[in-house]
C-alpha atoms as a PDB file:
ATOM      1  CA  MET A   1       8.842  88.231 218.918  1.00  0.00           C
ATOM      2  CA  ASN A   2       6.399  88.509 222.030  1.00  0.00           C
ATOM      3  CA  ARG A   3       3.897  90.319 219.612  1.00  0.00           C
ATOM      4  CA  GLU A   4       3.532  87.521 217.042  1.00  0.00           C
ATOM      5  CA  ARG A   5       2.865  85.312 220.457  1.00  0.00           C
ATOM      6  CA  GLY A   6       0.047  87.828 221.292  1.00  0.00           C
ATOM      7  CA  VAL A   7      -1.474  88.015 217.911  1.00  0.00           C
ATOM      8  CA  SER A   8      -1.543  84.247 217.406  1.00  0.00           C
ATOM      9  CA  SER A   9      -3.123  84.090 221.191  1.00  0.00           C
ATOM     10  CA  LEU A  10      -5.442  86.792 220.325  1.00  0.00           C
ATOM     11  CA  SER A  11      -6.464  85.118 217.270  1.00  0.00           C
ATOM     12  CA  LEU A  12      -6.887  81.622 218.905  1.00  0.00           C
ATOM     13  CA  VAL A  13      -9.032  82.959 221.272  1.00  0.00           C
ATOM     14  CA  LEU A  14     -11.256  84.701 218.894  1.00  0.00           C
ATOM     15  CA  LEU A  15     -11.328  81.500 216.942  1.00  0.00           C
ATOM     16  CA  LEU A  16     -12.775  79.617 219.850  1.00  0.00           C
ATOM     17  CA  LEU A  17     -15.143  82.378 220.443  1.00  0.00           C
ATOM     18  CA  VAL A  18     -16.526  82.310 217.153  1.00  0.00           C
ATOM     19  CA  LEU A  19     -16.695  77.925 217.337  1.00  0.00           C
ATOM     20  CA  GLY A  20     -18.449  78.680 220.647  1.00  0.00           C
ATOM     21  CA  SER A  21     -20.944  80.896 219.396  1.00  0.00           C
ATOM     22  CA  LEU A  22     -21.199  78.532 216.267  1.00  0.00           C
ATOM     23  CA  LEU A  23     -21.906  75.804 218.322  1.00  0.00           C
ATOM     24  CA  LEU A  24     -24.632  77.333 220.524  1.00  0.00           C
ATOM     25  CA  GLN A  25     -26.689  78.559 217.922  1.00  0.00           C
ATOM     26  CA  GLY A  26     -26.529  74.991 216.641  1.00  0.00           C
ATOM     27  CA  VAL A  27     -27.532  73.501 219.718  1.00  0.00           C
ATOM     28  CA  ARG A  28     -30.845  76.545 220.134  1.00  0.00           C
ATOM     29  CA  LEU A  29     -31.999  75.620 216.862  1.00  0.00           C
ATOM     30  CA  GLN A  30     -31.753  71.697 217.631  1.00  0.00           C
ATOM     31  CA  GLU A  31     -33.611  72.569 221.033  1.00  0.00           C
ATOM     32  CA  ALA A  32     -35.855  74.867 219.125  1.00  0.00           C
ATOM     33  CA  SER A  33     -36.973  72.147 216.763  1.00  0.00           C
ATOM     34  CA  PHE A  34     -37.200  69.540 219.822  1.00  0.00           C
ATOM     35  CA  ALA A  35     -39.951  72.128 221.620  1.00  0.00           C
ATOM     36  CA  SER A  36     -41.699  72.162 218.501  1.00  0.00           C
ATOM     37  CA  ARG A  37     -42.166  68.139 218.187  1.00  0.00           C
ATOM     38  CA  VAL A  38     -43.302  67.894 222.050  1.00  0.00           C
ATOM     39  CA  ALA A  39     -46.006  70.690 221.068  1.00  0.00           C
ATOM     40  CA  LEU A  40     -47.164  68.595 218.322  1.00  0.00           C
ATOM     41  CA  GLU A  41     -47.163  65.786 220.001  1.00  0.00           C
ATOM     42  CA  SER A  42     -48.836  66.694 222.904  1.00  0.00           C
ATOM     43  CA  GLN A  43     -51.675  68.146 221.013  1.00  0.00           C
ATOM     44  CA  SER A  44     -52.237  64.987 219.394  1.00  0.00           C
ATOM     45  CA  LEU A  45     -52.022  63.374 222.156  1.00  0.00           C
ATOM     46  CA  GLN A  46     -54.977  65.613 223.507  1.00  0.00           C
ATOM     47  CA  ARG A  47     -56.776  65.228 220.231  1.00  0.00           C
ATOM     48  CA  GLN A  48     -56.604  61.348 220.535  1.00  0.00           C
ATOM     49  CA  ALA A  49     -57.825  61.626 224.132  1.00  0.00           C
ATOM     50  CA  VAL A  50     -61.000  63.658 223.174  1.00  0.00           C
ATOM     51  CA  VAL A  51     -61.569  61.361 220.434  1.00  0.00           C
ATOM     52  CA  GLN A  52     -61.409  58.418 222.830  1.00  0.00           C
ATOM     53  CA  SER A  53     -63.642  59.787 225.490  1.00  0.00           C
ATOM     54  CA  ALA A  54     -66.504  61.165 222.458  1.00  0.00           C
ATOM     55  CA  MET A  55     -66.130  57.203 221.702  1.00  0.00           C
ATOM     56  CA  GLU A  56     -66.933  55.993 225.408  1.00  0.00           C
ATOM     57  CA  TRP A  57     -69.835  58.339 225.553  1.00  0.00           C
ATOM     58  CA  GLY A  58     -71.387  57.850 222.454  1.00  0.00           C
ATOM     59  CA  ARG A  59     -71.264  54.219 223.562  1.00  0.00           C
ATOM     60  CA  MET A  60     -73.125  55.096 226.470  1.00  0.00           C
ATOM     61  CA  GLN A  61     -75.713  56.922 224.873  1.00  0.00           C
ATOM     62  CA  HIS A  62     -79.209  55.806 223.872  1.00  0.00           C
ATOM     63  CA  TRP A  63     -79.609  55.722 220.278  1.00  0.00           C
ATOM     64  CA  LEU A  64     -82.771  54.859 218.300  1.00  0.00           C
ATOM     65  CA  LEU A  65     -82.976  52.012 216.027  1.00  0.00           C
ATOM     66  CA  GLN A  66     -83.673  53.781 213.016  1.00  0.00           C
ATOM     67  CA  PRO A  67     -82.321  53.375 209.420  1.00  0.00           C
ATOM     68  CA  GLY A  68     -79.346  55.699 208.530  1.00  0.00           C
ATOM     69  CA  VAL A  69     -77.222  57.704 210.503  1.00  0.00           C
ATOM     70  CA  GLN A  70     -77.580  59.569 213.840  1.00  0.00           C
ATOM     71  CA  CYS A  71     -75.261  62.250 214.853  1.00  0.00           C
ATOM     72  CA  ARG A  72     -74.534  64.054 218.388  1.00  0.00           C
ATOM     73  CA  ARG A  73     -72.237  66.472 220.080  1.00  0.00           C
ATOM     74  CA  ASP A  74     -70.704  65.596 223.211  1.00  0.00           C
ATOM     75  CA  ILE A  75     -69.657  68.355 225.530  1.00  0.00           C
ATOM     76  CA  ALA A  76     -65.575  68.542 224.007  1.00  0.00           C
ATOM     77  CA  LYS A  77     -67.652  69.493 220.768  1.00  0.00           C
ATOM     78  CA  ALA A  78     -66.290  66.086 219.043  1.00  0.00           C
ATOM     79  CA  ASP A  79     -69.209  64.577 216.723  1.00  0.00           C
ATOM     80  CA  VAL A  80     -70.187  61.196 217.417  1.00  0.00           C
ATOM     81  CA  CYS A  81     -72.604  59.435 214.859  1.00  0.00           C
ATOM     82  CA  LEU A  82     -74.123  55.699 214.826  1.00  0.00           C
ATOM     83  CA  ARG A  83     -74.775  54.240 211.227  1.00  0.00           C
ATOM     84  CA  LEU A  84     -77.308  51.322 210.982  1.00  0.00           C
ATOM     85  CA  LEU A  85     -75.720  49.124 209.122  1.00  0.00           C
ATOM     86  CA  ALA A  86     -77.447  45.951 207.009  1.00  0.00           C
ATOM     87  CA  ASP A  87     -77.861  42.720 209.278  1.00  0.00           C
ATOM     88  CA  ASN A  88     -78.569  44.482 212.195  1.00  0.00           C
ATOM     89  CA  ASN A  89     -74.968  45.791 212.462  1.00  0.00           C
ATOM     90  CA  VAL A  90     -73.919  49.248 213.697  1.00  0.00           C
ATOM     91  CA  LEU A  91     -70.848  51.221 213.457  1.00  0.00           C
ATOM     92  CA  LEU A  92     -70.087  54.105 215.764  1.00  0.00           C
ATOM     93  CA  ILE A  93     -67.953  56.988 214.158  1.00  0.00           C
ATOM     94  CA  ALA A  94     -66.206  59.642 216.813  1.00  0.00           C
ATOM     95  CA  HIS A  95     -64.927  62.284 214.976  1.00  0.00           C
ATOM     96  CA  ASN A  96     -62.912  65.721 216.431  1.00  0.00           C
ATOM     97  CA  LYS A  97     -59.975  67.989 214.286  1.00  0.00           C
ATOM     98  CA  GLY A  98     -59.337  65.301 211.834  1.00  0.00           C
ATOM     99  CA  MET A  99     -58.982  62.305 213.919  1.00  0.00           C
ATOM    100  CA  SER A 100     -61.907  59.525 214.127  1.00  0.00           C
ATOM    101  CA  LEU A 101     -61.977  56.215 215.647  1.00  0.00           C
ATOM    102  CA  TRP A 102     -64.758  53.570 214.794  1.00  0.00           C
ATOM    103  CA  ARG A 103     -66.323  50.708 216.880  1.00  0.00           C
ATOM    104  CA  LEU A 104     -68.601  47.856 215.412  1.00  0.00           C
ATOM    105  CA  GLY A 105     -71.293  46.476 217.053  1.00  0.00           C
ATOM    106  CA  GLU A 106     -74.638  44.494 216.359  1.00  0.00           C
ATOM    107  CA  VAL A 107     -78.589  44.932 217.210  1.00  0.00           C
ATOM    108  CA  VAL A 108     -79.195  42.257 219.700  1.00  0.00           C
ATOM    109  CA  GLU A 109     -83.335  42.140 221.127  1.00  0.00           C
ATOM    110  CA  GLY A 110     -83.614  45.687 220.282  1.00  0.00           C
ATOM    111  CA  ARG A 111     -80.331  46.854 221.802  1.00  0.00           C
ATOM    112  CA  ILE A 112     -77.304  47.683 220.739  1.00  0.00           C
ATOM    113  CA  VAL A 113     -74.257  45.543 221.702  1.00  0.00           C
ATOM    114  CA  PHE A 114     -70.683  46.769 220.691  1.00  0.00           C
ATOM    115  CA  SER A 115     -67.806  44.816 219.972  1.00  0.00           C
ATOM    116  CA  ALA A 116     -65.576  43.668 223.058  1.00  0.00           C
ATOM    117  CA  HIS A 117     -62.731  44.326 221.088  1.00  0.00           C
ATOM    118  CA  GLY A 118     -62.956  48.036 221.074  1.00  0.00           C
ATOM    119  CA  TRP A 119     -62.349  50.694 219.090  1.00  0.00           C
ATOM    120  CA  SER A 120     -60.461  50.861 216.035  1.00  0.00           C
ATOM    121  CA  ASP A 121     -58.411  53.944 214.453  1.00  0.00           C
ATOM    122  CA  PHE A 122     -58.791  52.731 210.825  1.00  0.00           C
ATOM    123  CA  CYS A 123     -61.976  52.096 209.027  1.00  0.00           C
ATOM    124  CA  PRO A 124     -63.274  48.405 209.787  1.00  0.00           C
ATOM    125  CA  LEU A 125     -65.351  48.052 206.346  1.00  0.00           C
ATOM    126  CA  ARG A 126     -65.171  47.727 202.933  1.00  0.00           C
ATOM    127  CA  GLU A 127     -66.738  50.622 201.662  1.00  0.00           C
ATOM    128  CA  GLN A 128     -65.103  53.477 203.286  1.00  0.00           C
ATOM    129  CA  THR A 129     -67.978  56.128 202.624  1.00  0.00           C
ATOM    130  CA  LEU A 130     -69.692  54.146 205.343  1.00  0.00           C
ATOM    131  CA  CYS A 131     -67.091  55.288 207.824  1.00  0.00           C
ATOM    132  CA  GLN A 132     -67.378  59.053 207.147  1.00  0.00           C
ATOM    133  CA  ILE A 133     -69.411  62.035 209.062  1.00  0.00           C
ATOM    134  CA  PRO A 134     -72.299  62.774 207.139  1.00  0.00           C
END
């Protein structure tokens, strides 16, 4: 009888050990998944900051009022282009590693005045090809 209690106690301890091990493995996998998501979110936020900085940098540049597209590269290697559109309108495009921002403006008395509404994270024009970096 004592021997049966010992075996049942031992099997109960082994069962608890196996269940605990499985639970710990599940928690470890979940933690690894969360860490991966946090890393991706962090990279996305960094890219967004670079593109926003490039947009502001491009807004402060002195652009020539010539037809077509002018492009420059900022210190963070983000591309910034100014496209002169019809009716004295302009589109400023900032792009880095697959992320783009756009800002409309207009030419007023020989100067470029950008929209007070700020940048957009989607193309504000109907013709999508005008929103692409050449």
